[in-house]
N, C-alpha and C. Protein backbone atom coordinates (compact mmCIF):
# COMPACT_ATOMS: atom_id res chain seq x y z
N MET A 1 -97.19 -34.24 336.66
CA MET A 1 -95.95 -34.91 336.32
C MET A 1 -95.33 -35.40 337.61
N VAL A 2 -95.00 -36.75 337.68
CA VAL A 2 -94.46 -37.38 338.90
C VAL A 2 -92.98 -37.53 338.74
N ARG A 3 -92.22 -36.97 339.65
CA ARG A 3 -90.78 -37.05 339.61
C ARG A 3 -90.30 -38.24 340.48
N ASP A 4 -89.09 -38.72 340.17
CA ASP A 4 -88.50 -39.81 341.01
C ASP A 4 -88.26 -39.29 342.39
N ALA A 5 -88.59 -40.16 343.40
CA ALA A 5 -88.46 -39.76 344.79
C ALA A 5 -87.01 -39.62 345.15
N PRO A 6 -86.62 -38.53 345.71
CA PRO A 6 -85.21 -38.36 346.09
C PRO A 6 -84.85 -39.30 347.27
N VAL A 7 -83.62 -39.81 347.36
CA VAL A 7 -83.17 -40.76 348.39
C VAL A 7 -82.47 -40.00 349.48
N ASN A 8 -82.89 -40.29 350.70
CA ASN A 8 -82.21 -39.69 351.86
C ASN A 8 -81.06 -40.57 352.20
N TYR A 9 -79.85 -40.05 351.95
CA TYR A 9 -78.67 -40.88 352.14
C TYR A 9 -78.37 -41.10 353.60
N GLN A 10 -78.90 -40.37 354.52
CA GLN A 10 -78.66 -40.60 355.94
C GLN A 10 -79.51 -41.75 356.46
N THR A 11 -80.76 -41.81 356.02
CA THR A 11 -81.65 -42.87 356.53
C THR A 11 -81.76 -43.98 355.56
N GLY A 12 -81.37 -43.74 354.31
CA GLY A 12 -81.51 -44.75 353.28
C GLY A 12 -82.90 -44.90 352.78
N LYS A 13 -83.78 -44.04 353.19
CA LYS A 13 -85.18 -44.10 352.77
C LYS A 13 -85.43 -42.97 351.77
N SER A 14 -86.32 -43.32 350.99
CA SER A 14 -86.70 -42.31 349.97
C SER A 14 -87.72 -41.36 350.55
N ALA A 15 -87.59 -40.11 350.21
CA ALA A 15 -88.54 -39.09 350.70
C ALA A 15 -89.83 -39.19 349.93
N PRO A 16 -90.89 -38.85 350.59
CA PRO A 16 -92.19 -38.93 349.90
C PRO A 16 -92.23 -37.99 348.70
N VAL A 17 -92.85 -38.52 347.76
CA VAL A 17 -92.97 -37.77 346.49
C VAL A 17 -94.17 -36.83 346.58
N VAL A 18 -93.90 -35.62 346.27
CA VAL A 18 -95.00 -34.61 346.27
C VAL A 18 -95.25 -34.15 344.83
N ASN A 19 -96.45 -34.36 344.44
CA ASN A 19 -96.82 -33.89 343.09
C ASN A 19 -97.00 -32.36 343.10
N GLU A 20 -96.17 -31.73 342.35
CA GLU A 20 -96.26 -30.26 342.25
C GLU A 20 -97.28 -29.86 341.18
N ALA A 21 -98.25 -29.19 341.61
CA ALA A 21 -99.28 -28.70 340.66
C ALA A 21 -98.71 -27.56 339.86
N PRO A 22 -98.97 -27.56 338.62
CA PRO A 22 -98.46 -26.44 337.79
C PRO A 22 -99.03 -25.11 338.25
N ALA A 23 -98.20 -24.12 338.18
CA ALA A 23 -98.64 -22.78 338.61
C ALA A 23 -99.74 -22.27 337.68
N PRO A 24 -100.73 -21.74 338.29
CA PRO A 24 -101.84 -21.23 337.45
C PRO A 24 -101.36 -20.08 336.56
N VAL A 25 -101.81 -20.16 335.34
CA VAL A 25 -101.47 -19.12 334.37
C VAL A 25 -102.55 -18.03 334.43
N ALA A 26 -102.09 -16.84 334.64
CA ALA A 26 -103.05 -15.72 334.75
C ALA A 26 -103.57 -15.35 333.35
N THR A 27 -104.82 -15.41 333.26
CA THR A 27 -105.45 -15.05 331.97
C THR A 27 -105.76 -13.56 331.97
N PRO A 28 -105.39 -12.87 330.93
CA PRO A 28 -105.68 -11.41 330.89
C PRO A 28 -107.18 -11.17 330.80
N GLN A 29 -107.61 -10.28 331.62
CA GLN A 29 -109.05 -9.92 331.62
C GLN A 29 -109.32 -8.89 330.53
N LEU A 30 -110.28 -9.22 329.70
CA LEU A 30 -110.65 -8.34 328.60
C LEU A 30 -111.63 -7.28 329.10
N LYS A 31 -111.30 -6.06 328.75
CA LYS A 31 -112.21 -4.96 329.12
C LYS A 31 -113.41 -4.95 328.19
N PRO A 32 -114.54 -4.67 328.72
CA PRO A 32 -115.72 -4.58 327.84
C PRO A 32 -115.55 -3.45 326.84
N PRO A 33 -115.98 -3.70 325.62
CA PRO A 33 -115.83 -2.64 324.59
C PRO A 33 -116.62 -1.40 324.99
N THR A 34 -115.92 -0.31 324.81
CA THR A 34 -116.57 0.97 325.13
C THR A 34 -117.04 1.63 323.84
N ALA A 35 -118.17 2.24 323.90
CA ALA A 35 -118.74 2.91 322.71
C ALA A 35 -117.94 4.17 322.40
N GLU A 36 -117.57 4.32 321.12
CA GLU A 36 -116.83 5.50 320.70
C GLU A 36 -117.73 6.73 320.81
N PRO A 37 -117.18 7.82 321.27
CA PRO A 37 -118.02 9.05 321.39
C PRO A 37 -118.46 9.54 320.01
N ARG A 38 -119.74 9.83 319.91
CA ARG A 38 -120.28 10.34 318.66
C ARG A 38 -119.90 11.81 318.47
N PRO A 39 -119.57 12.15 317.23
CA PRO A 39 -119.22 13.57 317.01
C PRO A 39 -120.44 14.45 317.23
N GLU A 40 -120.21 15.55 317.90
CA GLU A 40 -121.30 16.48 318.16
C GLU A 40 -121.73 17.18 316.87
N PRO A 41 -123.01 17.33 316.68
CA PRO A 41 -123.48 18.00 315.45
C PRO A 41 -122.97 19.43 315.40
N ALA A 42 -122.67 19.86 314.14
CA ALA A 42 -122.18 21.23 313.95
C ALA A 42 -123.24 22.22 314.36
N GLU A 43 -122.78 23.25 314.98
CA GLU A 43 -123.72 24.26 315.45
C GLU A 43 -124.30 25.03 314.28
N LYS A 44 -125.59 25.13 314.22
CA LYS A 44 -126.25 25.83 313.15
C LYS A 44 -125.98 27.32 313.27
N PRO A 45 -125.79 27.99 312.08
CA PRO A 45 -125.57 29.45 312.16
C PRO A 45 -126.82 30.14 312.70
N LYS A 46 -126.56 31.05 313.56
CA LYS A 46 -127.67 31.76 314.17
C LYS A 46 -128.17 32.84 313.22
N SER A 47 -129.47 32.86 313.01
CA SER A 47 -130.07 33.88 312.16
C SER A 47 -130.15 35.18 312.93
N PHE A 48 -129.91 36.27 312.19
CA PHE A 48 -129.92 37.58 312.83
C PHE A 48 -131.36 38.02 313.06
N ILE A 49 -131.66 38.33 314.29
CA ILE A 49 -132.97 38.83 314.67
C ILE A 49 -132.77 40.20 315.29
N PRO A 50 -133.28 41.22 314.62
CA PRO A 50 -133.07 42.56 315.18
C PRO A 50 -133.73 42.72 316.52
N ASN A 51 -133.07 43.44 317.35
CA ASN A 51 -133.59 43.69 318.68
C ASN A 51 -134.61 44.82 318.61
N LEU A 52 -135.84 44.46 318.83
CA LEU A 52 -136.91 45.44 318.72
C LEU A 52 -136.85 46.47 319.84
N HIS A 53 -136.16 46.12 320.93
CA HIS A 53 -136.08 47.03 322.06
C HIS A 53 -134.86 47.93 321.98
N ALA A 54 -134.04 47.74 320.92
CA ALA A 54 -132.85 48.57 320.81
C ALA A 54 -133.26 49.98 320.43
N SER A 55 -132.44 50.92 320.80
CA SER A 55 -132.75 52.32 320.50
C SER A 55 -132.63 52.58 319.02
N ALA A 56 -133.35 53.56 318.52
CA ALA A 56 -133.36 53.87 317.09
C ALA A 56 -132.00 54.32 316.61
N SER A 57 -131.19 54.90 317.51
CA SER A 57 -129.88 55.39 317.11
C SER A 57 -128.91 54.27 316.81
N SER A 58 -129.15 53.07 317.35
CA SER A 58 -128.23 51.95 317.13
C SER A 58 -128.45 51.29 315.79
N ILE A 59 -129.62 51.44 315.17
CA ILE A 59 -129.92 50.86 313.86
C ILE A 59 -130.15 52.01 312.88
N LYS A 60 -129.28 52.12 311.88
CA LYS A 60 -129.37 53.21 310.91
C LYS A 60 -130.16 52.75 309.70
N ILE A 61 -131.33 53.30 309.52
CA ILE A 61 -132.20 52.97 308.39
C ILE A 61 -132.29 54.19 307.50
N PRO A 62 -131.92 54.05 306.18
CA PRO A 62 -131.97 55.22 305.31
C PRO A 62 -133.39 55.71 305.12
N LYS A 63 -133.53 57.02 305.01
CA LYS A 63 -134.84 57.60 304.78
C LYS A 63 -135.31 57.30 303.37
N PHE A 64 -136.61 57.46 303.16
CA PHE A 64 -137.18 57.12 301.85
C PHE A 64 -136.59 57.97 300.74
N ASN A 65 -136.47 59.29 300.97
CA ASN A 65 -135.92 60.15 299.93
C ASN A 65 -134.45 59.87 299.67
N GLU A 66 -133.70 59.51 300.74
CA GLU A 66 -132.29 59.16 300.55
C GLU A 66 -132.16 57.87 299.76
N LEU A 67 -133.04 56.91 300.04
CA LEU A 67 -133.02 55.65 299.30
C LEU A 67 -133.31 55.88 297.83
N GLY A 68 -134.24 56.77 297.53
CA GLY A 68 -134.55 57.08 296.13
C GLY A 68 -133.37 57.70 295.42
N LYS A 69 -132.61 58.57 296.10
CA LYS A 69 -131.44 59.18 295.49
C LYS A 69 -130.36 58.15 295.21
N ILE A 70 -130.18 57.21 296.15
CA ILE A 70 -129.17 56.17 295.97
C ILE A 70 -129.49 55.31 294.75
N VAL A 71 -130.76 54.90 294.63
CA VAL A 71 -131.18 54.08 293.49
C VAL A 71 -131.02 54.85 292.19
N GLU A 72 -131.36 56.14 292.21
CA GLU A 72 -131.27 56.96 291.00
C GLU A 72 -129.82 57.12 290.57
N GLU A 73 -128.92 57.35 291.52
CA GLU A 73 -127.50 57.51 291.18
C GLU A 73 -126.92 56.22 290.62
N GLU A 74 -127.29 55.08 291.22
CA GLU A 74 -126.80 53.80 290.72
C GLU A 74 -127.32 53.53 289.31
N ALA A 75 -128.57 53.89 289.05
CA ALA A 75 -129.13 53.69 287.71
C ALA A 75 -128.42 54.56 286.69
N LYS A 76 -128.07 55.78 287.07
CA LYS A 76 -127.36 56.66 286.15
C LYS A 76 -125.99 56.10 285.81
N GLU A 77 -125.31 55.56 286.84
CA GLU A 77 -123.98 55.02 286.59
C GLU A 77 -124.02 53.80 285.69
N GLU A 78 -125.06 52.99 285.83
CA GLU A 78 -125.15 51.77 285.04
C GLU A 78 -125.67 52.02 283.63
N GLU A 79 -126.57 53.01 283.48
CA GLU A 79 -127.24 53.18 282.19
C GLU A 79 -126.98 54.56 281.58
N ASP A 80 -125.83 55.14 281.81
CA ASP A 80 -125.50 56.43 281.22
C ASP A 80 -125.21 56.25 279.74
N PRO A 81 -126.06 56.77 278.84
CA PRO A 81 -125.88 56.53 277.40
C PRO A 81 -124.89 57.48 276.75
N TYR A 82 -124.42 58.48 277.47
CA TYR A 82 -123.57 59.49 276.86
C TYR A 82 -122.09 59.09 276.92
N LEU A 83 -121.41 59.30 275.80
CA LEU A 83 -119.98 59.04 275.75
C LEU A 83 -119.23 60.12 276.51
N LYS A 84 -118.11 59.75 277.11
CA LYS A 84 -117.32 60.68 277.89
C LYS A 84 -116.05 61.05 277.13
N GLY A 85 -115.62 62.29 277.29
CA GLY A 85 -114.40 62.74 276.64
C GLY A 85 -113.99 64.09 277.16
N ASN A 86 -112.77 64.48 276.87
CA ASN A 86 -112.24 65.76 277.32
C ASN A 86 -111.96 66.73 276.17
N ASP A 87 -112.27 66.33 274.92
CA ASP A 87 -112.00 67.20 273.77
C ASP A 87 -112.89 68.44 273.81
N LYS A 88 -112.30 69.58 273.51
CA LYS A 88 -113.03 70.85 273.47
C LYS A 88 -112.53 71.70 272.31
N GLU A 89 -112.47 71.10 271.14
CA GLU A 89 -111.98 71.84 269.97
C GLU A 89 -113.03 72.83 269.48
N SER A 90 -112.57 73.92 268.90
CA SER A 90 -113.49 74.94 268.39
C SER A 90 -114.01 74.56 267.01
N PHE A 91 -115.20 75.07 266.68
CA PHE A 91 -115.82 74.83 265.37
C PHE A 91 -116.75 76.00 265.10
N ASN A 92 -117.13 76.16 263.84
CA ASN A 92 -118.02 77.26 263.48
C ASN A 92 -119.42 76.73 263.21
N LEU A 93 -120.35 77.65 262.94
CA LEU A 93 -121.75 77.27 262.75
C LEU A 93 -121.93 76.41 261.50
N ASP A 94 -121.20 76.71 260.44
CA ASP A 94 -121.33 75.93 259.21
C ASP A 94 -120.93 74.47 259.45
N GLN A 95 -119.88 74.28 260.21
CA GLN A 95 -119.46 72.90 260.52
C GLN A 95 -120.50 72.18 261.35
N PHE A 96 -121.12 72.91 262.27
CA PHE A 96 -122.16 72.30 263.11
C PHE A 96 -123.37 71.91 262.26
N LEU A 97 -123.81 72.82 261.38
CA LEU A 97 -124.99 72.54 260.55
C LEU A 97 -124.71 71.40 259.57
N GLN A 98 -123.49 71.30 259.07
CA GLN A 98 -123.16 70.21 258.16
C GLN A 98 -123.19 68.87 258.90
N THR A 99 -122.67 68.86 260.12
CA THR A 99 -122.71 67.64 260.93
C THR A 99 -124.14 67.27 261.28
N TRP A 100 -124.97 68.27 261.55
CA TRP A 100 -126.39 68.06 261.83
C TRP A 100 -127.09 67.41 260.63
N SER A 101 -126.82 67.93 259.43
CA SER A 101 -127.42 67.38 258.21
C SER A 101 -126.95 65.94 257.97
N ASN A 102 -125.69 65.67 258.26
CA ASN A 102 -125.18 64.31 258.10
C ASN A 102 -125.88 63.34 259.05
N TYR A 103 -126.19 63.82 260.23
CA TYR A 103 -126.90 62.95 261.18
C TYR A 103 -128.33 62.70 260.71
N ALA A 104 -128.97 63.73 260.15
CA ALA A 104 -130.33 63.54 259.62
C ALA A 104 -130.33 62.51 258.51
N ALA A 105 -129.31 62.55 257.63
CA ALA A 105 -129.21 61.54 256.56
C ALA A 105 -128.97 60.16 257.16
N LYS A 106 -128.24 60.11 258.24
CA LYS A 106 -127.97 58.84 258.93
C LYS A 106 -129.27 58.24 259.48
N ILE A 107 -130.14 59.10 260.02
CA ILE A 107 -131.44 58.64 260.54
C ILE A 107 -132.26 58.00 259.42
N LYS A 108 -132.28 58.66 258.26
CA LYS A 108 -133.05 58.13 257.13
C LYS A 108 -132.45 56.83 256.62
N ALA A 109 -131.13 56.75 256.55
CA ALA A 109 -130.48 55.53 256.06
C ALA A 109 -130.70 54.35 256.99
N GLU A 110 -130.83 54.60 258.28
CA GLU A 110 -131.04 53.52 259.25
C GLU A 110 -132.49 53.08 259.32
N GLY A 111 -133.37 53.74 258.57
CA GLY A 111 -134.78 53.34 258.54
C GLY A 111 -135.56 53.75 259.76
N LYS A 112 -135.13 54.80 260.44
CA LYS A 112 -135.88 55.27 261.59
C LYS A 112 -137.13 56.01 261.11
N PRO A 113 -138.10 56.25 262.00
CA PRO A 113 -139.37 56.86 261.58
C PRO A 113 -139.16 58.19 260.85
N MET A 114 -139.99 58.40 259.82
CA MET A 114 -139.89 59.63 259.05
C MET A 114 -140.26 60.84 259.91
N SER A 115 -141.10 60.64 260.92
CA SER A 115 -141.44 61.75 261.81
C SER A 115 -140.20 62.26 262.53
N LEU A 116 -139.28 61.37 262.86
CA LEU A 116 -138.03 61.79 263.48
C LEU A 116 -137.14 62.51 262.48
N PHE A 117 -137.11 62.01 261.26
CA PHE A 117 -136.33 62.67 260.20
C PHE A 117 -136.87 64.08 259.95
N THR A 118 -138.19 64.25 260.04
CA THR A 118 -138.80 65.57 259.82
C THR A 118 -138.35 66.56 260.89
N ILE A 119 -138.20 66.10 262.12
CA ILE A 119 -137.76 66.99 263.20
C ILE A 119 -136.40 67.60 262.88
N PHE A 120 -135.52 66.80 262.29
CA PHE A 120 -134.16 67.25 262.02
C PHE A 120 -134.04 68.05 260.73
N THR A 121 -135.07 68.05 259.91
CA THR A 121 -135.00 68.75 258.62
C THR A 121 -135.98 69.90 258.50
N ALA A 122 -137.03 69.93 259.33
CA ALA A 122 -138.05 70.99 259.21
C ALA A 122 -137.48 72.34 259.60
N ASN A 123 -136.71 72.37 260.70
CA ASN A 123 -136.13 73.62 261.17
C ASN A 123 -134.65 73.41 261.49
N ALA A 124 -133.86 74.38 261.13
CA ALA A 124 -132.44 74.31 261.45
C ALA A 124 -132.23 74.69 262.91
N PRO A 125 -131.30 74.06 263.60
CA PRO A 125 -131.05 74.42 265.00
C PRO A 125 -130.51 75.85 265.12
N LYS A 126 -130.88 76.51 266.21
CA LYS A 126 -130.44 77.88 266.45
C LYS A 126 -129.31 77.89 267.47
N ALA A 127 -128.31 78.71 267.21
CA ALA A 127 -127.20 78.86 268.15
C ALA A 127 -127.61 79.80 269.27
N LEU A 128 -127.45 79.35 270.50
CA LEU A 128 -127.79 80.16 271.67
C LEU A 128 -126.58 80.83 272.28
N GLY A 129 -125.42 80.53 271.75
CA GLY A 129 -124.19 81.09 272.30
C GLY A 129 -123.28 79.99 272.79
N GLY A 130 -122.00 80.12 272.42
CA GLY A 130 -121.05 79.09 272.83
C GLY A 130 -121.31 77.79 272.10
N VAL A 131 -121.48 76.72 272.86
CA VAL A 131 -121.73 75.39 272.28
C VAL A 131 -123.14 74.92 272.58
N ASN A 132 -124.04 75.85 272.87
CA ASN A 132 -125.43 75.52 273.19
C ASN A 132 -126.32 75.83 272.00
N TYR A 133 -127.20 74.86 271.67
CA TYR A 133 -128.09 75.01 270.51
C TYR A 133 -129.49 74.61 270.91
N GLU A 134 -130.44 75.04 270.07
CA GLU A 134 -131.85 74.77 270.33
C GLU A 134 -132.55 74.40 269.03
N ILE A 135 -133.41 73.39 269.12
CA ILE A 135 -134.21 72.98 267.97
C ILE A 135 -135.68 73.18 268.35
N VAL A 136 -136.44 73.82 267.45
CA VAL A 136 -137.85 74.10 267.70
C VAL A 136 -138.69 72.96 267.14
N VAL A 137 -139.59 72.42 267.97
CA VAL A 137 -140.51 71.36 267.55
C VAL A 137 -141.93 71.86 267.68
N SER A 138 -142.85 71.18 267.02
CA SER A 138 -144.23 71.68 266.92
C SER A 138 -145.12 71.25 268.07
N ASN A 139 -144.81 70.13 268.73
CA ASN A 139 -145.71 69.63 269.77
C ASN A 139 -144.94 68.76 270.74
N LYS A 140 -145.66 68.27 271.76
CA LYS A 140 -145.05 67.44 272.80
C LYS A 140 -144.61 66.09 272.27
N VAL A 141 -145.30 65.59 271.26
CA VAL A 141 -144.93 64.30 270.69
C VAL A 141 -143.55 64.38 270.05
N GLN A 142 -143.32 65.45 269.28
CA GLN A 142 -142.01 65.64 268.67
C GLN A 142 -140.93 65.87 269.73
N GLU A 143 -141.31 66.56 270.79
CA GLU A 143 -140.35 66.80 271.87
C GLU A 143 -139.91 65.49 272.52
N ALA A 144 -140.87 64.59 272.75
CA ALA A 144 -140.54 63.29 273.34
C ALA A 144 -139.68 62.45 272.40
N ALA A 145 -139.98 62.51 271.09
CA ALA A 145 -139.18 61.76 270.12
C ALA A 145 -137.75 62.29 270.06
N PHE A 146 -137.60 63.61 270.11
CA PHE A 146 -136.26 64.18 270.10
C PHE A 146 -135.51 63.83 271.38
N ARG A 147 -136.20 63.83 272.52
CA ARG A 147 -135.56 63.50 273.79
C ARG A 147 -135.01 62.08 273.78
N ASP A 148 -135.74 61.16 273.15
CA ASP A 148 -135.26 59.78 273.07
C ASP A 148 -134.04 59.66 272.15
N GLU A 149 -133.99 60.49 271.12
CA GLU A 149 -132.89 60.44 270.16
C GLU A 149 -131.70 61.28 270.60
N ARG A 150 -131.89 62.14 271.56
CA ARG A 150 -130.86 63.10 271.97
C ARG A 150 -129.52 62.47 272.37
N PRO A 151 -129.48 61.38 273.16
CA PRO A 151 -128.17 60.81 273.51
C PRO A 151 -127.36 60.40 272.29
N TYR A 152 -128.00 59.79 271.30
CA TYR A 152 -127.28 59.35 270.09
C TYR A 152 -126.84 60.56 269.26
N LEU A 153 -127.68 61.60 269.23
CA LEU A 153 -127.33 62.82 268.49
C LEU A 153 -126.10 63.48 269.11
N LEU A 154 -126.12 63.66 270.43
CA LEU A 154 -125.00 64.32 271.09
C LEU A 154 -123.72 63.51 270.97
N ASN A 155 -123.82 62.20 271.07
CA ASN A 155 -122.62 61.37 270.91
C ASN A 155 -122.02 61.57 269.52
N TYR A 156 -122.90 61.69 268.52
CA TYR A 156 -122.42 61.88 267.14
C TYR A 156 -121.80 63.26 266.97
N LEU A 157 -122.49 64.29 267.44
CA LEU A 157 -121.97 65.65 267.30
C LEU A 157 -120.67 65.84 268.07
N ARG A 158 -120.62 65.35 269.28
CA ARG A 158 -119.45 65.56 270.13
C ARG A 158 -118.22 64.85 269.60
N THR A 159 -118.41 63.61 269.13
CA THR A 159 -117.25 62.87 268.62
C THR A 159 -116.81 63.37 267.25
N THR A 160 -117.77 63.80 266.41
CA THR A 160 -117.41 64.28 265.08
C THR A 160 -116.72 65.64 265.14
N LEU A 161 -117.27 66.54 265.94
CA LEU A 161 -116.69 67.88 266.07
C LEU A 161 -115.63 67.95 267.17
N ARG A 162 -115.44 66.85 267.88
CA ARG A 162 -114.41 66.74 268.92
C ARG A 162 -114.58 67.82 269.99
N ASN A 163 -115.82 67.91 270.47
CA ASN A 163 -116.11 68.84 271.55
C ASN A 163 -117.24 68.23 272.39
N PHE A 164 -116.91 67.83 273.62
CA PHE A 164 -117.87 67.13 274.46
C PHE A 164 -118.69 68.08 275.34
N ASP A 165 -118.60 69.39 275.06
CA ASP A 165 -119.43 70.35 275.78
C ASP A 165 -120.68 70.73 274.99
N ILE A 166 -120.86 70.17 273.80
CA ILE A 166 -122.00 70.53 272.95
C ILE A 166 -123.30 70.10 273.62
N GLU A 167 -124.26 71.00 273.62
CA GLU A 167 -125.58 70.72 274.18
C GLU A 167 -126.65 71.16 273.17
N VAL A 168 -127.66 70.31 272.99
CA VAL A 168 -128.79 70.63 272.11
C VAL A 168 -130.07 70.26 272.85
N ASN A 169 -130.99 71.22 272.94
CA ASN A 169 -132.27 70.97 273.60
C ASN A 169 -133.41 71.37 272.68
N ALA A 170 -134.57 70.82 272.95
CA ALA A 170 -135.76 71.10 272.13
C ALA A 170 -136.69 72.06 272.86
N ARG A 171 -137.35 72.90 272.09
CA ARG A 171 -138.34 73.83 272.63
C ARG A 171 -139.62 73.70 271.81
N VAL A 172 -140.74 73.54 272.52
CA VAL A 172 -142.03 73.37 271.84
C VAL A 172 -142.58 74.74 271.49
N GLU A 173 -142.91 74.89 270.23
CA GLU A 173 -143.54 76.13 269.75
C GLU A 173 -144.73 75.72 268.90
N GLU A 174 -145.87 75.62 269.55
CA GLU A 174 -147.07 75.15 268.87
C GLU A 174 -147.54 76.20 267.87
N THR A 175 -147.85 75.75 266.68
CA THR A 175 -148.30 76.65 265.62
C THR A 175 -149.79 76.42 265.37
N THR A 176 -150.49 77.50 265.11
CA THR A 176 -151.92 77.43 264.82
C THR A 176 -152.12 77.32 263.32
N VAL A 177 -152.78 76.28 262.91
CA VAL A 177 -153.03 76.06 261.49
C VAL A 177 -154.22 76.91 261.05
N VAL A 178 -154.01 77.76 260.07
CA VAL A 178 -155.08 78.61 259.56
C VAL A 178 -155.82 77.87 258.45
N ARG A 179 -157.11 77.67 258.68
CA ARG A 179 -157.93 76.96 257.69
C ARG A 179 -158.43 77.92 256.64
N LYS A 180 -158.24 77.59 255.39
CA LYS A 180 -158.69 78.44 254.29
C LYS A 180 -160.21 78.42 254.18
N PRO A 181 -160.83 79.58 253.88
CA PRO A 181 -162.30 79.60 253.72
C PRO A 181 -162.71 78.91 252.43
N TYR A 182 -163.75 78.07 252.53
CA TYR A 182 -164.22 77.33 251.36
C TYR A 182 -165.65 77.73 250.98
N THR A 183 -166.56 77.83 251.95
CA THR A 183 -167.95 78.14 251.64
C THR A 183 -168.11 79.64 251.42
N ALA A 184 -169.30 80.04 250.89
CA ALA A 184 -169.57 81.46 250.63
C ALA A 184 -169.59 82.26 251.92
N ILE A 185 -170.17 81.68 252.98
CA ILE A 185 -170.23 82.38 254.26
C ILE A 185 -168.82 82.59 254.81
N GLU A 186 -167.99 81.53 254.75
CA GLU A 186 -166.63 81.63 255.25
C GLU A 186 -165.84 82.68 254.47
N LYS A 187 -166.04 82.73 253.16
CA LYS A 187 -165.34 83.72 252.35
C LYS A 187 -165.79 85.14 252.70
N PHE A 188 -167.13 85.31 252.92
CA PHE A 188 -167.64 86.63 253.28
C PHE A 188 -167.10 87.07 254.64
N GLN A 189 -167.09 86.11 255.62
CA GLN A 189 -166.56 86.46 256.94
C GLN A 189 -165.09 86.81 256.87
N HIS A 190 -164.35 86.11 256.00
CA HIS A 190 -162.93 86.39 255.84
C HIS A 190 -162.72 87.79 255.27
N LEU A 191 -163.54 88.17 254.28
CA LEU A 191 -163.43 89.51 253.69
C LEU A 191 -163.93 90.58 254.65
N ALA A 192 -165.00 90.25 255.41
CA ALA A 192 -165.55 91.22 256.34
C ALA A 192 -164.59 91.52 257.48
N ALA A 193 -163.77 90.55 257.82
CA ALA A 193 -162.78 90.80 258.87
C ALA A 193 -161.77 91.84 258.41
N LYS A 194 -161.52 91.89 257.11
CA LYS A 194 -160.60 92.89 256.58
C LYS A 194 -161.32 94.21 256.25
N ASN A 195 -162.62 94.13 255.87
CA ASN A 195 -163.38 95.31 255.49
C ASN A 195 -164.75 95.28 256.18
N PRO A 196 -164.88 95.88 257.37
CA PRO A 196 -166.15 95.82 258.12
C PRO A 196 -167.32 96.46 257.40
N GLN A 197 -167.09 97.28 256.39
CA GLN A 197 -168.20 97.92 255.67
C GLN A 197 -169.07 96.90 254.95
N LEU A 198 -168.52 95.75 254.65
CA LEU A 198 -169.32 94.71 253.99
C LEU A 198 -170.48 94.26 254.86
N LEU A 199 -170.30 94.29 256.16
CA LEU A 199 -171.38 93.91 257.07
C LEU A 199 -172.53 94.92 256.98
N GLU A 200 -172.21 96.21 256.85
CA GLU A 200 -173.25 97.23 256.72
C GLU A 200 -174.02 97.07 255.41
N LEU A 201 -173.30 96.79 254.33
CA LEU A 201 -173.96 96.60 253.04
C LEU A 201 -174.89 95.40 253.07
N ARG A 202 -174.45 94.34 253.74
CA ARG A 202 -175.28 93.14 253.82
C ARG A 202 -176.55 93.43 254.61
N ALA A 203 -176.43 94.17 255.72
CA ALA A 203 -177.60 94.50 256.51
C ALA A 203 -178.53 95.47 255.80
N ARG A 204 -177.97 96.44 255.06
CA ARG A 204 -178.80 97.42 254.37
C ARG A 204 -179.62 96.81 253.26
N PHE A 205 -179.01 95.94 252.50
CA PHE A 205 -179.71 95.34 251.35
C PHE A 205 -180.29 93.97 251.68
N ASN A 206 -180.20 93.57 252.94
CA ASN A 206 -180.76 92.29 253.37
C ASN A 206 -180.27 91.15 252.50
N LEU A 207 -178.97 91.12 252.34
CA LEU A 207 -178.36 90.10 251.50
C LEU A 207 -178.24 88.80 252.27
N ASP A 208 -178.33 87.72 251.56
CA ASP A 208 -178.18 86.38 252.16
C ASP A 208 -177.39 85.51 251.23
N PHE A 209 -176.98 84.37 251.73
CA PHE A 209 -176.16 83.46 250.94
C PHE A 209 -176.97 82.20 250.59
N ASP A 210 -176.84 81.78 249.39
CA ASP A 210 -177.57 80.60 248.94
C ASP A 210 -176.90 79.34 249.50
């Protein structure tokens, strides 16, 4: 841009015109883009690795028999089939036997095996004193069947008679079955066991059996 030359009033001459260049405009310098820091990956949980060189006292390992007791106690707590109660009312033998008979009828009505029903009806339970009773069974098979039924029996007896101290156990008393004599020899041996003189008569007369 050219301005009018100023006049020097002392000399009457105009001063030389100087073209003023526009002042340079400073341009802002752009910083190069910087990469944003990447988030560090989360630290993985460290897996526990036992120190093999550590002393035995620093690592407590339960013994085998102790471990078995712990498992057995936990199983009992989870699978205890017996009802709990504090009732201890008194009762007599007739009341016990009537409750026993009612339970035997209950077994039959529920369609349980007749062999189990026979256990409860073949022999009456014997009182051992106090609230303890015993039932006599003929063999190990009946004993096992009674043992399986025992929790349900005791729950019934205890709640009906209102006494949770009642105990009933089975005792095996194997019986020998006497076979009746059928043949002539068997009959003679049976009689000879009672009267040994028959053996002498048989030998004297040389008797034999057809």
